[in-house]
Amino acid sequence: MITEIMEEVLVTTGGSKGIGKGIIAAYLANGTSIFSIARTVNTELTESGVTQITLDLTQTNLIEATLINIFSLLDKAKLRKITLINNAGTLGTIAPLDRLNQDIIEKTILLNTTVPFILSSLFIHYFKDWTIEKSIINITSGAALKPYFGWSVYCSSKAAINMLTQTIAAEQADAKYAVKALAIAPGVVDTDMQTEIRQSNKSNFKDIERFIALKEDGALNDAVTVGKKIFEMDNDKSLPSGSILRIEGN
């Protein structure tokens, strides 16, 4: 008797570059079908068979229709597992709070916090009766646990993501077909965000020299390696829902 292969699906945000691109590479290598929602399209990913949806996620009024369109393409009878990774995020403007304007504060919190809340809510609701393995992975940061001068909005928005992860776990604990939630801090990764950090003015970011030294010492994590670690954690059944995890350096 031939057993039909059950499909695994990943829906991720911010997959066109940086950590998101590393995540996609890891899941692709393991035969996962991938939907990436991002502001830009990466032609390399298109050639790899990734379905890319172009969307500025800060247009929150468009999120629900976009997700439902993706979900409607899935065959319930063939699906074994689905993962949502809330990866898209922004550092915003690096400066003390009193130097930030309202627009920057709103946009940073919107992308880093509000969008993952909306996506997670829609994901949990849509699949609540599906008897498949379901997981939400929120990309957090060590900055969620440690205050940095000039990062008030980023630190606070990532702290909210940690609490979102833990409250999802609490709410899903008694659900019939529960969603597992993990928050994963990728460490300091060699991405465009790190380039932006190293170009900061020291008056706005007092820890800049530490981040410059990490680059010079080759101590930054690689996005591809980070992607592999995230895939491993997603498939590690020993990790309890609600865990706040960190990928250690190279």
C-alpha atoms as a PDB file:
ATOM      1  CA  MET A   1       0.000   0.000   0.000  1.00  0.00           C
ATOM      2  CA  ILE A   2       1.341   3.431  -0.964  1.00  0.00           C
ATOM      3  CA  THR A   3       0.975   6.106   1.708  1.00  0.00           C
ATOM      4  CA  GLU A   4       0.455   9.593   0.304  1.00  0.00           C
ATOM      5  CA  ILE A   5       3.047  12.121   1.445  1.00  0.00           C
ATOM      6  CA  MET A   6       1.469  14.690   3.731  1.00  0.00           C
ATOM      7  CA  GLU A   7       2.383  18.290   3.044  1.00  0.00           C
ATOM      8  CA  GLU A   8       4.082  20.747   5.383  1.00  0.00           C
ATOM      9  CA  VAL A   9       3.481  24.464   4.835  1.00  0.00           C
ATOM     10  CA  LEU A  10       5.236  27.606   6.043  1.00  0.00           C
ATOM     11  CA  VAL A  11       3.727  31.074   5.965  1.00  0.00           C
ATOM     12  CA  THR A  12       6.327  33.697   6.842  1.00  0.00           C
ATOM     13  CA  THR A  13       6.603  37.452   6.798  1.00  0.00           C
ATOM     14  CA  GLY A  14       9.649  39.402   5.687  1.00  0.00           C
ATOM     15  CA  GLY A  15      11.051  36.469   3.736  1.00  0.00           C
ATOM     16  CA  SER A  16      12.686  38.355   0.887  1.00  0.00           C
ATOM     17  CA  LYS A  17      15.938  39.151   2.697  1.00  0.00           C
ATOM     18  CA  GLY A  18      17.954  38.817   5.886  1.00  0.00           C
ATOM     19  CA  ILE A  19      16.815  36.328   8.507  1.00  0.00           C
ATOM     20  CA  GLY A  20      13.639  35.659   6.546  1.00  0.00           C
ATOM     21  CA  LYS A  21      15.629  34.506   3.546  1.00  0.00           C
ATOM     22  CA  GLY A  22      17.645  32.186   5.795  1.00  0.00           C
ATOM     23  CA  ILE A  23      14.444  30.758   7.254  1.00  0.00           C
ATOM     24  CA  ILE A  24      13.057  30.067   3.789  1.00  0.00           C
ATOM     25  CA  ALA A  25      16.272  28.339   2.702  1.00  0.00           C
ATOM     26  CA  ALA A  26      16.074  25.980   5.695  1.00  0.00           C
ATOM     27  CA  TYR A  27      12.416  25.061   5.187  1.00  0.00           C
ATOM     28  CA  LEU A  28      12.878  24.655   1.430  1.00  0.00           C
ATOM     29  CA  ALA A  29      15.726  22.213   2.034  1.00  0.00           C
ATOM     30  CA  ASN A  30      13.277  20.084   4.006  1.00  0.00           C
ATOM     31  CA  GLY A  31      10.574  20.006   1.334  1.00  0.00           C
ATOM     32  CA  THR A  32       8.227  22.559   2.872  1.00  0.00           C
ATOM     33  CA  SER A  33       5.790  24.502   0.692  1.00  0.00           C
ATOM     34  CA  ILE A  34       6.341  28.192   1.402  1.00  0.00           C
ATOM     35  CA  PHE A  35       4.311  31.379   1.221  1.00  0.00           C
ATOM     36  CA  SER A  36       6.264  34.564   1.871  1.00  0.00           C
ATOM     37  CA  ILE A  37       4.580  37.904   2.583  1.00  0.00           C
ATOM     38  CA  ALA A  38       6.922  40.856   2.141  1.00  0.00           C
ATOM     39  CA  ARG A  39       7.123  44.354   0.700  1.00  0.00           C
ATOM     40  CA  THR A  40       9.564  43.218  -1.981  1.00  0.00           C
ATOM     41  CA  VAL A  41       9.991  40.199  -4.251  1.00  0.00           C
ATOM     42  CA  ASN A  42      13.231  38.212  -4.343  1.00  0.00           C
ATOM     43  CA  THR A  43      13.728  36.682  -7.808  1.00  0.00           C
ATOM     44  CA  GLU A  44      15.906  33.902  -6.372  1.00  0.00           C
ATOM     45  CA  LEU A  45      13.010  32.728  -4.237  1.00  0.00           C
ATOM     46  CA  THR A  46      10.623  32.765  -7.182  1.00  0.00           C
ATOM     47  CA  GLU A  47      12.940  30.424  -9.042  1.00  0.00           C
ATOM     48  CA  SER A  48      12.958  28.141  -5.977  1.00  0.00           C
ATOM     49  CA  GLY A  49       9.198  27.730  -6.071  1.00  0.00           C
ATOM     50  CA  VAL A  50       8.351  30.004  -3.148  1.00  0.00           C
ATOM     51  CA  THR A  51       4.986  31.730  -3.501  1.00  0.00           C
ATOM     52  CA  GLN A  52       5.666  35.398  -2.821  1.00  0.00           C
ATOM     53  CA  ILE A  53       2.913  37.822  -1.897  1.00  0.00           C
ATOM     54  CA  THR A  54       3.809  41.503  -2.109  1.00  0.00           C
ATOM     55  CA  LEU A  55       2.251  43.422   0.755  1.00  0.00           C
ATOM     56  CA  ASP A  56       3.212  46.252   3.048  1.00  0.00           C
ATOM     57  CA  LEU A  57       2.045  44.684   6.300  1.00  0.00           C
ATOM     58  CA  THR A  58       1.493  48.081   7.879  1.00  0.00           C
ATOM     59  CA  GLN A  59      -1.587  48.198   5.645  1.00  0.00           C
ATOM     60  CA  THR A  60      -3.323  46.108   8.266  1.00  0.00           C
ATOM     61  CA  ASN A  61      -6.704  46.355   6.539  1.00  0.00           C
ATOM     62  CA  LEU A  62      -5.322  44.052   3.819  1.00  0.00           C
ATOM     63  CA  ILE A  63      -3.897  41.346   6.078  1.00  0.00           C
ATOM     64  CA  GLU A  64      -7.009  39.241   6.617  1.00  0.00           C
ATOM     65  CA  ALA A  65      -7.897  38.942   2.925  1.00  0.00           C
ATOM     66  CA  THR A  66      -4.281  38.082   2.089  1.00  0.00           C
ATOM     67  CA  LEU A  67      -4.109  35.306   4.682  1.00  0.00           C
ATOM     68  CA  ILE A  68      -7.500  33.851   3.797  1.00  0.00           C
ATOM     69  CA  ASN A  69      -6.435  33.721   0.155  1.00  0.00           C
ATOM     70  CA  ILE A  70      -3.345  31.724   1.145  1.00  0.00           C
ATOM     71  CA  PHE A  71      -5.244  29.392   3.456  1.00  0.00           C
ATOM     72  CA  SER A  72      -7.895  28.699   0.810  1.00  0.00           C
ATOM     73  CA  LEU A  73      -5.201  27.140  -1.379  1.00  0.00           C
ATOM     74  CA  LEU A  74      -4.450  24.436   1.195  1.00  0.00           C
ATOM     75  CA  ASP A  75      -5.844  20.925   0.948  1.00  0.00           C
ATOM     76  CA  LYS A  76      -7.019  19.924   4.412  1.00  0.00           C
ATOM     77  CA  ALA A  77      -6.824  16.232   3.533  1.00  0.00           C
ATOM     78  CA  LYS A  78      -3.148  16.440   2.569  1.00  0.00           C
ATOM     79  CA  LEU A  79      -1.806  18.878   5.136  1.00  0.00           C
ATOM     80  CA  ARG A  80       0.226  17.499   8.043  1.00  0.00           C
ATOM     81  CA  LYS A  81       1.693  20.652   9.523  1.00  0.00           C
ATOM     82  CA  ILE A  82       1.517  24.420   9.101  1.00  0.00           C
ATOM     83  CA  THR A  83       3.790  27.024  10.649  1.00  0.00           C
ATOM     84  CA  LEU A  84       3.364  30.784  10.821  1.00  0.00           C
ATOM     85  CA  ILE A  85       6.577  32.739  11.379  1.00  0.00           C
ATOM     86  CA  ASN A  86       6.188  36.372  12.378  1.00  0.00           C
ATOM     87  CA  ASN A  87       9.577  37.551  11.171  1.00  0.00           C
ATOM     88  CA  ALA A  88       9.024  40.987   9.604  1.00  0.00           C
ATOM     89  CA  GLY A  89      10.195  43.797  11.827  1.00  0.00           C
ATOM     90  CA  THR A  90      12.011  47.098  11.996  1.00  0.00           C
ATOM     91  CA  LEU A  91      14.456  48.751  14.329  1.00  0.00           C
ATOM     92  CA  GLY A  92      12.806  52.082  13.624  1.00  0.00           C
ATOM     93  CA  THR A  93      14.833  55.199  14.294  1.00  0.00           C
ATOM     94  CA  ILE A  94      17.698  54.756  16.746  1.00  0.00           C
ATOM     95  CA  ALA A  95      17.447  57.633  19.197  1.00  0.00           C
ATOM     96  CA  PRO A  96      16.256  58.410  22.726  1.00  0.00           C
ATOM     97  CA  LEU A  97      12.483  58.477  23.082  1.00  0.00           C
ATOM     98  CA  ASP A  98      12.264  62.260  23.370  1.00  0.00           C
ATOM     99  CA  ARG A  99      13.892  62.600  19.930  1.00  0.00           C
ATOM    100  CA  LEU A 100      11.392  60.333  18.146  1.00  0.00           C
ATOM    101  CA  ASN A 101       8.380  61.700  16.340  1.00  0.00           C
ATOM    102  CA  GLN A 102       4.919  60.187  16.648  1.00  0.00           C
ATOM    103  CA  ASP A 103       4.936  58.711  13.132  1.00  0.00           C
ATOM    104  CA  ILE A 104       8.110  56.692  13.771  1.00  0.00           C
ATOM    105  CA  ILE A 105       6.791  55.388  17.088  1.00  0.00           C
ATOM    106  CA  GLU A 106       3.465  54.342  15.560  1.00  0.00           C
ATOM    107  CA  LYS A 107       4.961  52.644  12.492  1.00  0.00           C
ATOM    108  CA  THR A 108       7.569  50.710  14.483  1.00  0.00           C
ATOM    109  CA  ILE A 109       5.050  49.359  16.986  1.00  0.00           C
ATOM    110  CA  LEU A 110       2.590  48.632  14.183  1.00  0.00           C
ATOM    111  CA  LEU A 111       4.989  46.375  12.271  1.00  0.00           C
ATOM    112  CA  ASN A 112       6.791  44.813  15.231  1.00  0.00           C
ATOM    113  CA  THR A 113       3.799  44.203  17.487  1.00  0.00           C
ATOM    114  CA  THR A 114       0.365  44.881  16.027  1.00  0.00           C
ATOM    115  CA  VAL A 115       0.977  42.890  12.830  1.00  0.00           C
ATOM    116  CA  PRO A 116       2.094  39.682  14.629  1.00  0.00           C
ATOM    117  CA  PHE A 117      -0.932  39.965  16.937  1.00  0.00           C
ATOM    118  CA  ILE A 118      -3.275  40.211  13.942  1.00  0.00           C
ATOM    119  CA  LEU A 119      -1.602  37.405  11.991  1.00  0.00           C
ATOM    120  CA  SER A 120      -1.542  35.095  15.020  1.00  0.00           C
ATOM    121  CA  SER A 121      -5.199  35.785  15.794  1.00  0.00           C
ATOM    122  CA  LEU A 122      -6.286  34.993  12.235  1.00  0.00           C
ATOM    123  CA  PHE A 123      -4.088  31.877  12.099  1.00  0.00           C
ATOM    124  CA  ILE A 124      -5.426  30.437  15.363  1.00  0.00           C
ATOM    125  CA  HIS A 125      -9.029  31.153  14.458  1.00  0.00           C
ATOM    126  CA  TYR A 126      -8.865  29.743  10.922  1.00  0.00           C
ATOM    127  CA  PHE A 127      -7.224  26.449  11.887  1.00  0.00           C
ATOM    128  CA  LYS A 128      -8.921  25.890  15.256  1.00  0.00           C
ATOM    129  CA  ASP A 129     -10.774  22.768  14.038  1.00  0.00           C
ATOM    130  CA  TRP A 130      -7.971  21.349  11.874  1.00  0.00           C
ATOM    131  CA  THR A 131      -6.460  18.171  13.297  1.00  0.00           C
ATOM    132  CA  ILE A 132      -2.953  18.972  12.129  1.00  0.00           C
ATOM    133  CA  GLU A 133       0.276  20.113  13.763  1.00  0.00           C
ATOM    134  CA  LYS A 134       0.206  23.907  14.055  1.00  0.00           C
ATOM    135  CA  SER A 135       2.858  26.295  15.291  1.00  0.00           C
ATOM    136  CA  ILE A 136       3.480  30.013  15.539  1.00  0.00           C
ATOM    137  CA  ILE A 137       7.060  31.215  15.778  1.00  0.00           C
ATOM    138  CA  ASN A 138       7.604  34.817  16.786  1.00  0.00           C
ATOM    139  CA  ILE A 139      11.020  36.255  16.006  1.00  0.00           C
ATOM    140  CA  THR A 140      11.974  38.163  19.118  1.00  0.00           C
ATOM    141  CA  SER A 141      15.236  39.695  20.344  1.00  0.00           C
ATOM    142  CA  GLY A 142      17.533  39.775  23.312  1.00  0.00           C
ATOM    143  CA  ALA A 143      16.504  43.424  23.406  1.00  0.00           C
ATOM    144  CA  ALA A 144      13.133  42.245  24.721  1.00  0.00           C
ATOM    145  CA  LEU A 145      14.891  41.417  27.994  1.00  0.00           C
ATOM    146  CA  LYS A 146      17.569  44.120  28.121  1.00  0.00           C
ATOM    147  CA  PRO A 147      17.088  47.879  27.687  1.00  0.00           C
ATOM    148  CA  TYR A 148      19.354  49.613  25.174  1.00  0.00           C
ATOM    149  CA  PHE A 149      19.871  53.353  25.028  1.00  0.00           C
ATOM    150  CA  GLY A 150      18.114  54.603  21.884  1.00  0.00           C
ATOM    151  CA  TRP A 151      16.018  51.456  21.380  1.00  0.00           C
ATOM    152  CA  SER A 152      13.010  52.179  23.597  1.00  0.00           C
ATOM    153  CA  VAL A 153      10.417  51.345  20.944  1.00  0.00           C
ATOM    154  CA  TYR A 154      12.236  48.293  19.574  1.00  0.00           C
ATOM    155  CA  CYS A 155      12.925  46.815  23.021  1.00  0.00           C
ATOM    156  CA  SER A 156       9.344  47.398  24.138  1.00  0.00           C
ATOM    157  CA  SER A 157       7.776  46.012  20.967  1.00  0.00           C
ATOM    158  CA  LYS A 158       9.840  42.828  21.208  1.00  0.00           C
ATOM    159  CA  ALA A 159       8.988  42.442  24.903  1.00  0.00           C
ATOM    160  CA  ALA A 160       5.338  42.483  23.837  1.00  0.00           C
ATOM    161  CA  ILE A 161       6.091  39.677  21.369  1.00  0.00           C
ATOM    162  CA  ASN A 162       7.469  37.531  24.184  1.00  0.00           C
ATOM    163  CA  MET A 163       4.305  38.052  26.206  1.00  0.00           C
ATOM    164  CA  LEU A 164       2.157  37.359  23.134  1.00  0.00           C
ATOM    165  CA  THR A 165       3.914  34.010  22.784  1.00  0.00           C
ATOM    166  CA  GLN A 166       3.339  33.095  26.415  1.00  0.00           C
ATOM    167  CA  THR A 167      -0.319  34.136  26.435  1.00  0.00           C
ATOM    168  CA  ILE A 168      -1.009  32.160  23.240  1.00  0.00           C
ATOM    169  CA  ALA A 169       0.481  29.130  24.986  1.00  0.00           C
ATOM    170  CA  ALA A 170      -1.728  29.721  28.039  1.00  0.00           C
ATOM    171  CA  GLU A 171      -4.871  30.167  25.953  1.00  0.00           C
ATOM    172  CA  GLN A 172      -4.135  27.129  23.809  1.00  0.00           C
ATOM    173  CA  ALA A 173      -3.243  24.830  26.706  1.00  0.00           C
ATOM    174  CA  ASP A 174      -6.738  23.333  26.862  1.00  0.00           C
ATOM    175  CA  ALA A 175      -7.650  23.707  23.188  1.00  0.00           C
ATOM    176  CA  LYS A 176      -8.763  20.551  21.430  1.00  0.00           C
ATOM    177  CA  TYR A 177      -6.348  21.069  18.532  1.00  0.00           C
ATOM    178  CA  ALA A 178      -3.811  23.397  20.092  1.00  0.00           C
ATOM    179  CA  VAL A 179      -1.403  25.765  18.377  1.00  0.00           C
ATOM    180  CA  LYS A 180       2.138  25.666  19.725  1.00  0.00           C
ATOM    181  CA  ALA A 181       3.842  29.043  20.157  1.00  0.00           C
ATOM    182  CA  LEU A 182       7.563  29.774  20.435  1.00  0.00           C
ATOM    183  CA  ALA A 183       9.514  33.026  20.575  1.00  0.00           C
ATOM    184  CA  ILE A 184      13.017  32.748  19.142  1.00  0.00           C
ATOM    185  CA  ALA A 185      15.725  35.398  19.432  1.00  0.00           C
ATOM    186  CA  PRO A 186      18.181  34.842  16.559  1.00  0.00           C
ATOM    187  CA  GLY A 187      21.075  36.605  18.267  1.00  0.00           C
ATOM    188  CA  VAL A 188      23.108  39.265  16.479  1.00  0.00           C
ATOM    189  CA  VAL A 189      22.794  38.344  12.802  1.00  0.00           C
ATOM    190  CA  ASP A 190      24.761  39.726   9.858  1.00  0.00           C
ATOM    191  CA  THR A 191      21.904  41.545   8.094  1.00  0.00           C
ATOM    192  CA  ASP A 192      21.050  45.007   6.786  1.00  0.00           C
ATOM    193  CA  MET A 193      19.683  45.841  10.235  1.00  0.00           C
ATOM    194  CA  GLN A 194      23.124  45.355  11.744  1.00  0.00           C
ATOM    195  CA  THR A 195      24.643  47.580   9.060  1.00  0.00           C
ATOM    196  CA  GLU A 196      22.126  50.256  10.049  1.00  0.00           C
ATOM    197  CA  ILE A 197      23.021  49.860  13.727  1.00  0.00           C
ATOM    198  CA  ARG A 198      26.758  50.290  13.055  1.00  0.00           C
ATOM    199  CA  GLN A 199      26.074  53.535  11.207  1.00  0.00           C
ATOM    200  CA  SER A 200      24.311  55.100  14.192  1.00  0.00           C
ATOM    201  CA  ASN A 201      25.464  58.234  15.935  1.00  0.00           C
ATOM    202  CA  LYS A 202      26.929  57.450  19.355  1.00  0.00           C
ATOM    203  CA  SER A 203      24.819  60.210  20.908  1.00  0.00           C
ATOM    204  CA  ASN A 204      21.749  58.218  19.834  1.00  0.00           C
ATOM    205  CA  PHE A 205      23.111  54.722  20.569  1.00  0.00           C
ATOM    206  CA  LYS A 206      25.705  54.397  23.314  1.00  0.00           C
ATOM    207  CA  ASP A 207      26.376  50.672  22.655  1.00  0.00           C
ATOM    208  CA  ILE A 208      27.470  51.170  19.032  1.00  0.00           C
ATOM    209  CA  GLU A 209      31.102  50.175  19.682  1.00  0.00           C
ATOM    210  CA  ARG A 210      30.041  46.735  20.929  1.00  0.00           C
ATOM    211  CA  PHE A 211      28.171  46.042  17.694  1.00  0.00           C
ATOM    212  CA  ILE A 212      31.050  47.315  15.551  1.00  0.00           C
ATOM    213  CA  ALA A 213      33.370  44.973  17.444  1.00  0.00           C
ATOM    214  CA  LEU A 214      31.059  41.989  16.861  1.00  0.00           C
ATOM    215  CA  LYS A 215      31.302  42.576  13.104  1.00  0.00           C
ATOM    216  CA  GLU A 216      35.066  43.089  13.167  1.00  0.00           C
ATOM    217  CA  ASP A 217      35.565  39.953  15.280  1.00  0.00           C
ATOM    218  CA  GLY A 218      33.399  37.784  13.000  1.00  0.00           C
ATOM    219  CA  ALA A 219      31.030  37.127  15.880  1.00  0.00           C
ATOM    220  CA  LEU A 220      27.767  37.751  14.012  1.00  0.00           C
ATOM    221  CA  ASN A 221      25.409  34.873  13.354  1.00  0.00           C
ATOM    222  CA  ASP A 222      24.840  33.843   9.747  1.00  0.00           C
ATOM    223  CA  ALA A 223      21.247  34.092   8.454  1.00  0.00           C
ATOM    224  CA  VAL A 224      21.357  30.653   6.843  1.00  0.00           C
ATOM    225  CA  THR A 225      22.577  29.015  10.049  1.00  0.00           C
ATOM    226  CA  VAL A 226      19.908  30.877  12.016  1.00  0.00           C
ATOM    227  CA  GLY A 227      17.261  29.627   9.594  1.00  0.00           C
ATOM    228  CA  LYS A 228      18.368  26.040  10.164  1.00  0.00           C
ATOM    229  CA  LYS A 229      18.210  26.479  13.947  1.00  0.00           C
ATOM    230  CA  ILE A 230      14.706  27.920  13.720  1.00  0.00           C
ATOM    231  CA  PHE A 231      13.587  24.951  11.614  1.00  0.00           C
ATOM    232  CA  GLU A 232      15.072  22.560  14.175  1.00  0.00           C
ATOM    233  CA  MET A 233      13.320  24.316  17.053  1.00  0.00           C
ATOM    234  CA  ASP A 234      10.029  24.309  15.152  1.00  0.00           C
ATOM    235  CA  ASN A 235      10.318  20.532  14.857  1.00  0.00           C
ATOM    236  CA  ASP A 236      11.638  19.864  18.362  1.00  0.00           C
ATOM    237  CA  LYS A 237       8.696  18.314  20.195  1.00  0.00           C
ATOM    238  CA  SER A 238      10.523  18.560  23.526  1.00  0.00           C
ATOM    239  CA  LEU A 239      10.226  22.358  23.576  1.00  0.00           C
ATOM    240  CA  PRO A 240       7.129  23.396  25.516  1.00  0.00           C
ATOM    241  CA  SER A 241       4.715  25.912  24.051  1.00  0.00           C
ATOM    242  CA  GLY A 242       5.386  29.410  25.347  1.00  0.00           C
ATOM    243  CA  SER A 243       9.164  28.942  25.396  1.00  0.00           C
ATOM    244  CA  ILE A 244      11.351  32.029  24.937  1.00  0.00           C
ATOM    245  CA  LEU A 245      14.452  30.758  23.148  1.00  0.00           C
ATOM    246  CA  ARG A 246      17.739  32.162  21.904  1.00  0.00           C
ATOM    247  CA  ILE A 247      20.096  31.016  19.169  1.00  0.00           C
ATOM    248  CA  GLU A 248      23.609  31.206  20.514  1.00  0.00           C
ATOM    249  CA  GLY A 249      26.494  32.672  18.521  1.00  0.00           C
ATOM    250  CA  ASN A 250      28.688  30.819  16.050  1.00  0.00           C
END
